Structure formats: C-alpha cells, structure tokens
Amino acid sequence: MEKHRPPEHNGYPIPQPDYQGPQGPYPGPGVGYQGPQGPYPGPQAGYPVPPGGYAGAGPGGFPVQNQPAYNHPSGPGGTPWMPTPPLPLNCPPGLEYLTQIDQILVHQQIELLEVLTGFETNNKYEIKNSLGQRVYFAVEDTDCCTRNCCGASRPFTLRILDNLGQEVMTLERPLRCSSCCFPCCLQEIEIQAPPGVPVGYVTQTWHPCLPKFTLQNEKKQDVLKVVGPCVACSCCSDVDFELKSLNEETVVGKISKQWSGLVKEAFTDADNFGIQFPLDLDVKMKAVMLGACFLIDFMFFERTGNEDQRAGVWQ
C-alpha cells in the first residue's frame, strides 16, 4: 500500500506548521466533573434578602445584566435593567417582574427646570428592585395648565413602562377635594394593567387624625389597609405608612418615605420611597401598592413652588 506523502511544491515538501498528527479519541470529562446541572431549584427557605449594593445574581437566580433594548430618553442610560422573568399563569403581561421581588425602590428624578424656576414639570420616577436593577420607568402625563394651577392636588395619568418602552401599567387619579372636612369626596387612584384593564384601586378612608387608605381588587373588594402617622413630616428620618390586614391588627409590609438629605429635601420635591410586601402577595395587589405609593407622594410630599408661596402668605 502506498504510504501517505505530504503535499509538494516543485518537488519540495510543504511544511505543516504546528501539525501534531491526528488526535486520539475524547478522553472523557476531567476528574471532579459532576455532569450538567439541573434547573435552578429556587432560593432556600430563610434565605436573606441581599443588601442594596449586592451585585451578584438577581432574584430567582437571574443574573445581573444590562438590558440595552430600551433606555428611556428621560432616564439615566447606565442603570441596569432587571432581566425579564417568565410570565406566570393568570399574571397580567408586564407584571411578571413583580412576582420575583418583595421590595421596590421608587426614586423621583430631579428636574433642573423645576428647581431653578419653580415651574412644575411632569414627574418622572425610576422603579428598582433591591439590587438596584431598574424594573420600570414611570412618567406623568399631565398638561401644563393642570400641573401649575392645581399643584399637588392635580388629577394625573401616570404611565409605567418596561425595559422595552411598552406601557404595562396606567395609574389614573381623578380630581378630588384635598380637605379632610369633606369625607364624601376623598382621594383615590385606579391601577390598570395592561392599560384599560383595572386590577385594583386605592381609596382614602376618612379619619380625623391619621392618613388611612384601603387597597381594593378589581371588583372593589377591600383587601388590605394602609395607615400612616399622625404627622407625615420627614424631618431627618423616614416616614412609614404601614400595610396592615383589614382588621389593622397585623402589619404585613410598609411604604416608607425615605429621608434624602437636607439639601435635596429643602430645594426639590424629588422623593425616594421604599415599598415592602410579602413575596407571595398577589401580583395585582403589588401593583396596587405601587399606586398607593404615588398617591401618598402627591398627597403629602409633592409641594410645588406655588404652594410654598401660598403657604408663606397664609402663615
């Protein structure tokens, strides 16, 4: 049998660089290899919530990564988005993010025009999880006349967008009386997910001293209560609005207005909030709690420049 001869050029063999001959069969996995891992089993019981600065895996085993598909032009482009989890059964599209978390951070953006001129602009909010990943971006949609004439008592539409820029929730607040002397016309807000489909309501409950709210489902049936302090003043400390059972005997979560520092509190109305709720709470009620946070912000902490001037005249 004729032996294999290397290729030649003008009678001279062509060298084969780094050729080591044919390789043998695959030797198999190395020592210690345990084979492919199975599906992620989920967090173990008693697993603590990671701190805010933790940069490892996200809730439910999802890795921390940037989602470049959408960066809202009004928001910071460098904030990482929370990866999209699978959509569970009976979950409105867009709310699947809330199934993975038991804490939400709401950061209102500072508007330079509003700081310098006192001219009220549409509010914008970043909504993040406990790892600092952006979950949603919220934008107020209110006309200029309504914002500057009605101030913090204004009716508004708040549109909540996901990382693709799709509107997944709409919050509608009608015009209501802001005085506690008229219990027949109290504050309320409607939460829609997807837009046009109500999933719950937040209604103010009249009380002579305490700010109280009732969280309702899509059928307007009472589910939970929110009770605030007698004086909702954030002076060098947080202000907690507790989430309670209907009989107000059990605390299951809270909405906290976080102290942002003397300079920011004095010269802007940009507020920071933290929302805590049970992980297994119905995802629709988690969305309703987010709506309650925005209603509380406008009622107690959204102080416009025009209102500051009127307050000075009244005093």
Protein backbone atom coordinates (compact mmCIF):
# COMPACT_ATOMS: atom_id res chain seq x y z
CA MET A 1 0.00 0.00 0.00
CA GLU A 2 1.35 3.44 -0.92
CA LYS A 3 2.26 5.50 2.10
CA HIS A 4 0.79 8.94 2.65
CA ARG A 5 3.10 11.62 1.25
CA PRO A 6 2.97 15.27 2.30
CA PRO A 7 1.98 17.77 -0.42
CA GLU A 8 4.86 19.04 -2.55
CA HIS A 9 5.60 22.19 -4.48
CA ASN A 10 8.18 21.93 -7.29
CA GLY A 11 9.41 18.71 -5.80
CA TYR A 12 9.86 20.04 -2.25
CA PRO A 13 7.51 19.04 0.58
CA ILE A 14 5.29 21.82 2.02
CA PRO A 15 5.87 22.10 5.78
CA GLN A 16 2.82 21.84 8.01
CA PRO A 17 3.16 24.35 10.91
CA ASP A 18 2.46 23.00 14.37
CA TYR A 19 0.95 19.84 12.98
CA GLN A 20 0.97 17.17 15.67
CA GLY A 21 -0.81 14.43 13.83
CA PRO A 22 -4.38 13.23 14.32
CA GLN A 23 -5.81 13.41 17.80
CA GLY A 24 -6.95 10.37 19.67
CA PRO A 25 -10.47 9.77 20.98
CA TYR A 26 -12.04 12.17 23.51
CA PRO A 27 -10.57 11.17 26.89
CA GLY A 28 -13.78 12.00 28.76
CA PRO A 29 -14.50 14.63 31.45
CA GLY A 30 -11.83 15.58 33.92
CA VAL A 31 -11.67 14.40 37.49
CA GLY A 32 -14.26 16.06 39.70
CA TYR A 33 -16.68 16.93 36.89
CA GLN A 34 -20.23 16.29 38.12
CA GLY A 35 -22.06 16.50 34.83
CA PRO A 36 -24.55 19.16 33.69
CA GLN A 37 -26.51 20.89 36.41
CA GLY A 38 -30.26 20.60 36.65
CA PRO A 39 -32.73 23.51 36.66
CA TYR A 40 -32.36 26.17 39.33
CA PRO A 41 -34.26 24.90 42.38
CA GLY A 42 -35.09 28.37 43.68
CA PRO A 43 -33.94 30.12 46.88
CA GLN A 44 -33.79 28.08 50.05
CA ALA A 45 -36.11 28.78 52.97
CA GLY A 46 -34.83 31.55 55.20
CA TYR A 47 -32.56 32.96 52.51
CA PRO A 48 -31.99 36.63 53.44
CA VAL A 49 -32.68 39.47 51.03
CA PRO A 50 -29.33 40.70 49.62
CA PRO A 51 -28.26 44.22 50.54
CA GLY A 52 -28.81 47.07 48.12
CA GLY A 53 -25.18 47.12 46.97
CA TYR A 54 -25.02 43.41 46.17
CA ALA A 55 -24.05 42.83 42.55
CA GLY A 56 -24.43 39.05 42.23
CA ALA A 57 -27.33 37.08 40.90
CA GLY A 58 -30.71 38.73 40.88
CA PRO A 59 -33.97 37.49 42.43
CA GLY A 60 -34.97 34.00 41.40
CA GLY A 61 -31.47 33.19 40.11
CA PHE A 62 -31.50 35.68 37.24
CA PRO A 63 -28.06 37.19 36.56
CA VAL A 64 -27.43 40.90 36.82
CA GLN A 65 -27.02 42.21 33.31
CA ASN A 66 -27.65 45.32 31.26
CA GLN A 67 -30.67 45.35 29.00
CA PRO A 68 -29.71 47.60 26.07
CA ALA A 69 -33.03 47.19 24.29
CA TYR A 70 -34.53 50.29 25.81
CA ASN A 71 -33.24 53.30 27.66
CA HIS A 72 -35.86 55.95 28.22
CA PRO A 73 -34.56 59.32 26.96
CA SER A 74 -35.53 60.95 30.23
CA GLY A 75 -33.78 58.40 32.45
CA PRO A 76 -30.13 57.61 33.11
CA GLY A 77 -28.78 55.24 30.48
CA GLY A 78 -26.30 53.38 32.69
CA THR A 79 -28.75 51.80 35.14
CA PRO A 80 -29.02 48.04 34.59
CA TRP A 81 -32.47 46.66 33.87
CA MET A 82 -33.90 43.69 35.69
CA PRO A 83 -33.95 40.65 33.34
CA THR A 84 -37.41 39.68 32.17
CA PRO A 85 -38.69 36.64 34.12
CA PRO A 86 -41.07 34.09 32.54
CA LEU A 87 -44.74 35.05 32.55
CA PRO A 88 -46.68 33.01 35.17
CA LEU A 89 -50.23 31.86 34.64
CA ASN A 90 -53.00 34.36 35.38
CA CYS A 91 -50.50 37.23 35.55
CA PRO A 92 -51.20 40.39 33.54
CA PRO A 93 -48.43 40.93 30.97
CA GLY A 94 -45.79 43.27 32.31
CA LEU A 95 -46.39 42.39 35.97
CA GLU A 96 -44.20 39.28 35.87
CA TYR A 97 -41.33 41.40 37.24
CA LEU A 98 -43.25 41.82 40.50
CA THR A 99 -43.57 38.08 41.05
CA GLN A 100 -39.83 37.84 41.78
CA ILE A 101 -39.47 40.60 44.38
CA ASP A 102 -40.71 41.65 47.81
CA GLN A 103 -39.26 45.15 47.82
CA ILE A 104 -39.46 48.11 45.42
CA LEU A 105 -37.45 51.31 45.45
CA VAL A 106 -39.00 54.39 43.85
CA HIS A 107 -36.68 57.29 43.01
CA GLN A 108 -38.13 60.51 41.66
CA GLN A 109 -35.83 62.28 39.23
CA ILE A 110 -34.72 65.85 39.86
CA GLU A 111 -35.91 68.28 37.18
CA LEU A 112 -33.43 71.13 36.78
CA LEU A 113 -36.02 73.48 35.23
CA GLU A 114 -38.31 72.94 38.20
CA VAL A 115 -35.51 73.58 40.71
CA LEU A 116 -34.38 76.82 39.05
CA THR A 117 -37.75 78.35 38.11
CA GLY A 118 -40.36 76.67 40.34
CA PHE A 119 -42.24 75.79 37.15
CA GLU A 120 -43.95 72.46 37.76
CA THR A 121 -42.97 69.76 35.25
CA ASN A 122 -44.18 66.23 34.72
CA ASN A 123 -42.79 63.89 37.37
CA LYS A 124 -40.54 61.00 36.35
CA TYR A 125 -39.62 58.03 38.51
CA GLU A 126 -37.21 55.13 38.38
CA ILE A 127 -38.62 51.95 39.92
CA LYS A 128 -35.93 49.48 41.04
CA ASN A 129 -35.59 46.22 42.89
CA SER A 130 -33.43 45.70 46.00
CA LEU A 131 -30.36 45.02 43.81
CA GLY A 132 -30.59 48.43 42.14
CA GLN A 133 -31.82 47.00 38.84
CA ARG A 134 -34.43 49.11 37.09
CA VAL A 135 -37.79 47.34 36.91
CA TYR A 136 -39.97 50.10 35.44
CA PHE A 137 -39.83 53.74 34.45
CA ALA A 138 -42.83 55.94 35.32
CA VAL A 139 -43.74 59.17 33.54
CA GLU A 140 -46.52 61.57 34.45
CA ASP A 141 -48.75 62.67 31.58
CA THR A 142 -50.48 65.90 32.65
CA ASP A 143 -50.91 69.16 30.75
CA CYS A 144 -49.04 72.30 31.79
CA CYS A 145 -52.10 74.23 32.93
CA THR A 146 -53.31 71.45 35.23
CA ARG A 147 -49.87 70.97 36.80
CA ASN A 148 -49.31 74.60 37.64
CA CYS A 149 -52.87 75.56 38.59
CA CYS A 150 -53.84 72.55 40.69
CA GLY A 151 -50.39 71.79 42.12
CA ALA A 152 -50.11 68.60 44.15
CA SER A 153 -53.91 68.16 44.17
CA ARG A 154 -53.97 67.80 40.40
CA PRO A 155 -55.53 64.85 38.60
CA PHE A 156 -52.94 62.92 36.66
CA THR A 157 -52.22 59.94 34.46
CA LEU A 158 -49.02 58.06 35.29
CA ARG A 159 -47.69 55.72 32.62
CA ILE A 160 -45.38 52.90 33.71
CA LEU A 161 -43.05 51.46 31.07
CA ASP A 162 -40.96 48.31 30.97
CA ASN A 163 -37.46 47.86 29.58
CA LEU A 164 -38.81 47.72 26.01
CA GLY A 165 -40.63 51.02 26.37
CA GLN A 166 -44.02 49.32 26.43
CA GLU A 167 -46.69 50.75 28.71
CA VAL A 168 -47.55 47.93 31.10
CA MET A 169 -49.46 49.91 33.75
CA THR A 170 -51.52 53.09 33.84
CA LEU A 171 -52.44 54.95 37.03
CA GLU A 172 -55.41 57.32 36.89
CA ARG A 173 -56.05 59.84 39.67
CA PRO A 174 -59.24 61.91 39.31
CA LEU A 175 -59.66 65.40 40.73
CA ARG A 176 -60.78 65.20 44.35
CA CYS A 177 -61.05 67.56 47.29
CA SER A 178 -57.86 67.74 49.36
CA SER A 179 -59.56 68.84 52.59
CA CYS A 180 -60.30 66.34 55.36
CA CYS A 181 -63.50 68.25 56.11
CA PHE A 182 -65.26 66.72 53.09
CA PRO A 183 -65.36 62.93 53.63
CA CYS A 184 -67.70 62.48 50.66
CA CYS A 185 -65.03 63.41 48.11
CA LEU A 186 -61.83 61.69 49.22
CA GLN A 187 -58.73 60.80 47.21
CA GLU A 188 -58.49 57.69 45.08
CA ILE A 189 -56.41 56.19 42.29
CA GLU A 190 -57.14 53.44 39.76
CA ILE A 191 -54.48 50.95 38.70
CA GLN A 192 -54.75 49.41 35.22
CA ALA A 193 -52.61 46.52 33.95
CA PRO A 194 -52.50 46.35 31.00
CA PRO A 195 -53.74 49.89 30.24
CA GLY A 196 -57.52 49.97 30.13
CA VAL A 197 -57.98 46.91 32.36
CA PRO A 198 -58.43 47.82 36.06
CA VAL A 199 -56.70 45.47 38.50
CA GLY A 200 -57.28 47.44 41.70
CA TYR A 201 -57.99 50.72 43.45
CA VAL A 202 -56.64 52.77 46.34
CA THR A 203 -59.24 54.81 48.17
CA GLN A 204 -58.72 57.21 51.04
CA THR A 205 -60.54 56.34 54.25
CA TRP A 206 -61.74 59.30 56.27
CA HIS A 207 -60.13 59.72 59.68
CA PRO A 208 -59.82 62.93 61.74
CA CYS A 209 -56.14 62.38 62.62
CA LEU A 210 -54.49 59.58 60.64
CA PRO A 211 -53.98 59.16 56.90
CA LYS A 212 -55.71 55.90 56.01
CA PHE A 213 -56.21 54.11 52.71
CA THR A 214 -57.94 50.94 51.58
CA LEU A 215 -56.46 48.71 48.88
CA GLN A 216 -59.13 47.07 46.74
CA ASN A 217 -59.09 44.43 44.00
CA GLU A 218 -60.59 44.81 40.53
CA LYS A 219 -64.08 44.11 41.96
CA LYS A 220 -63.61 46.93 44.50
CA GLN A 221 -63.49 44.45 47.36
CA ASP A 222 -61.34 45.51 50.32
CA VAL A 223 -58.11 43.53 50.63
CA LEU A 224 -55.61 45.49 52.76
CA LYS A 225 -55.24 48.75 54.68
CA VAL A 226 -52.51 51.39 54.69
CA VAL A 227 -52.17 53.51 57.84
CA GLY A 228 -49.78 56.45 58.14
CA PRO A 229 -48.54 58.53 61.07
CA CYS A 230 -50.45 61.41 62.57
CA VAL A 231 -47.88 63.89 61.24
CA ALA A 232 -46.44 62.93 57.85
CA CYS A 233 -43.28 65.01 58.20
CA SER A 234 -39.90 63.69 57.02
CA CYS A 235 -37.55 65.74 59.16
CA CYS A 236 -34.20 63.86 59.27
CA SER A 237 -35.98 60.50 59.38
CA ASP A 238 -38.12 58.16 57.32
CA VAL A 239 -41.91 58.27 57.36
CA ASP A 240 -43.60 54.86 57.40
CA PHE A 241 -47.07 54.06 56.10
CA GLU A 242 -47.80 50.55 57.37
CA LEU A 243 -49.52 47.91 55.26
CA LYS A 244 -52.00 46.09 57.50
CA SER A 245 -54.68 43.47 57.40
CA LEU A 246 -58.29 44.62 57.16
CA ASN A 247 -58.73 44.48 60.95
CA GLU A 248 -55.49 46.54 61.27
CA GLU A 249 -54.04 44.04 63.75
CA THR A 250 -51.28 42.54 61.57
CA VAL A 251 -48.55 44.51 59.78
CA VAL A 252 -47.51 42.76 56.54
CA GLY A 253 -45.47 45.49 54.86
CA LYS A 254 -44.95 49.22 54.55
CA ILE A 255 -44.42 52.21 52.28
CA SER A 256 -41.54 54.36 53.53
CA LYS A 257 -40.81 57.93 52.51
CA GLN A 258 -37.02 57.94 52.83
CA TRP A 259 -35.06 60.92 54.09
CA SER A 260 -33.00 62.21 51.14
CA GLY A 261 -30.78 64.74 52.87
CA LEU A 262 -31.25 68.34 53.93
CA VAL A 263 -30.32 69.97 50.61
CA LYS A 264 -32.47 67.74 48.44
CA GLU A 265 -35.44 67.92 50.81
CA ALA A 266 -35.24 71.71 51.07
CA PHE A 267 -34.77 72.67 47.42
CA THR A 268 -36.54 69.93 45.45
CA ASP A 269 -39.68 67.83 45.65
CA ALA A 270 -37.86 64.74 44.33
CA ASP A 271 -38.65 61.99 46.80
CA ASN A 272 -37.41 58.47 47.44
CA PHE A 273 -39.71 55.68 48.60
CA GLY A 274 -39.28 52.07 49.64
CA ILE A 275 -42.13 49.56 49.36
CA GLN A 276 -42.08 46.24 51.19
CA PHE A 277 -44.68 43.49 50.85
CA PRO A 278 -44.87 39.68 51.20
CA LEU A 279 -43.20 37.82 48.35
CA ASP A 280 -46.30 35.65 47.87
CA LEU A 281 -48.72 38.61 47.76
CA ASP A 282 -50.95 38.60 44.70
CA VAL A 283 -49.09 40.35 41.90
CA LYS A 284 -52.08 42.60 41.23
CA MET A 285 -52.02 43.83 44.82
CA LYS A 286 -48.30 44.55 44.48
CA ALA A 287 -49.19 46.81 41.56
CA VAL A 288 -51.91 48.42 43.70
CA MET A 289 -49.32 49.09 46.42
CA LEU A 290 -47.19 50.86 43.82
CA GLY A 291 -50.20 53.02 43.00
CA ALA A 292 -50.68 53.76 46.70
CA CYS A 293 -47.07 54.95 46.89
CA PHE A 294 -47.61 57.51 44.12
CA LEU A 295 -50.88 58.71 45.66
CA ILE A 296 -49.14 59.20 49.03
CA ASP A 297 -46.31 61.07 47.34
CA PHE A 298 -48.66 63.57 45.71
CA MET A 299 -50.85 63.99 48.78
CA PHE A 300 -48.14 64.55 51.41
CA PHE A 301 -44.75 65.21 49.80
CA GLU A 302 -45.33 66.85 46.41
CA ARG A 303 -45.01 70.50 47.42
CA THR A 304 -44.77 72.85 44.45
CA GLY A 305 -43.28 76.33 44.36
CA ASN A 306 -46.68 77.97 44.02
CA GLU A 307 -47.92 76.13 47.08
CA ASP A 308 -44.84 77.22 49.04
CA GLN A 309 -45.65 80.84 48.21
CA ARG A 310 -49.28 80.41 49.26
CA ALA A 311 -48.18 78.74 52.48
CA GLY A 312 -45.97 81.74 53.22
CA VAL A 313 -48.93 84.11 52.72
CA TRP A 314 -51.19 82.01 54.97
CA GLN A 315 -48.60 81.96 57.72
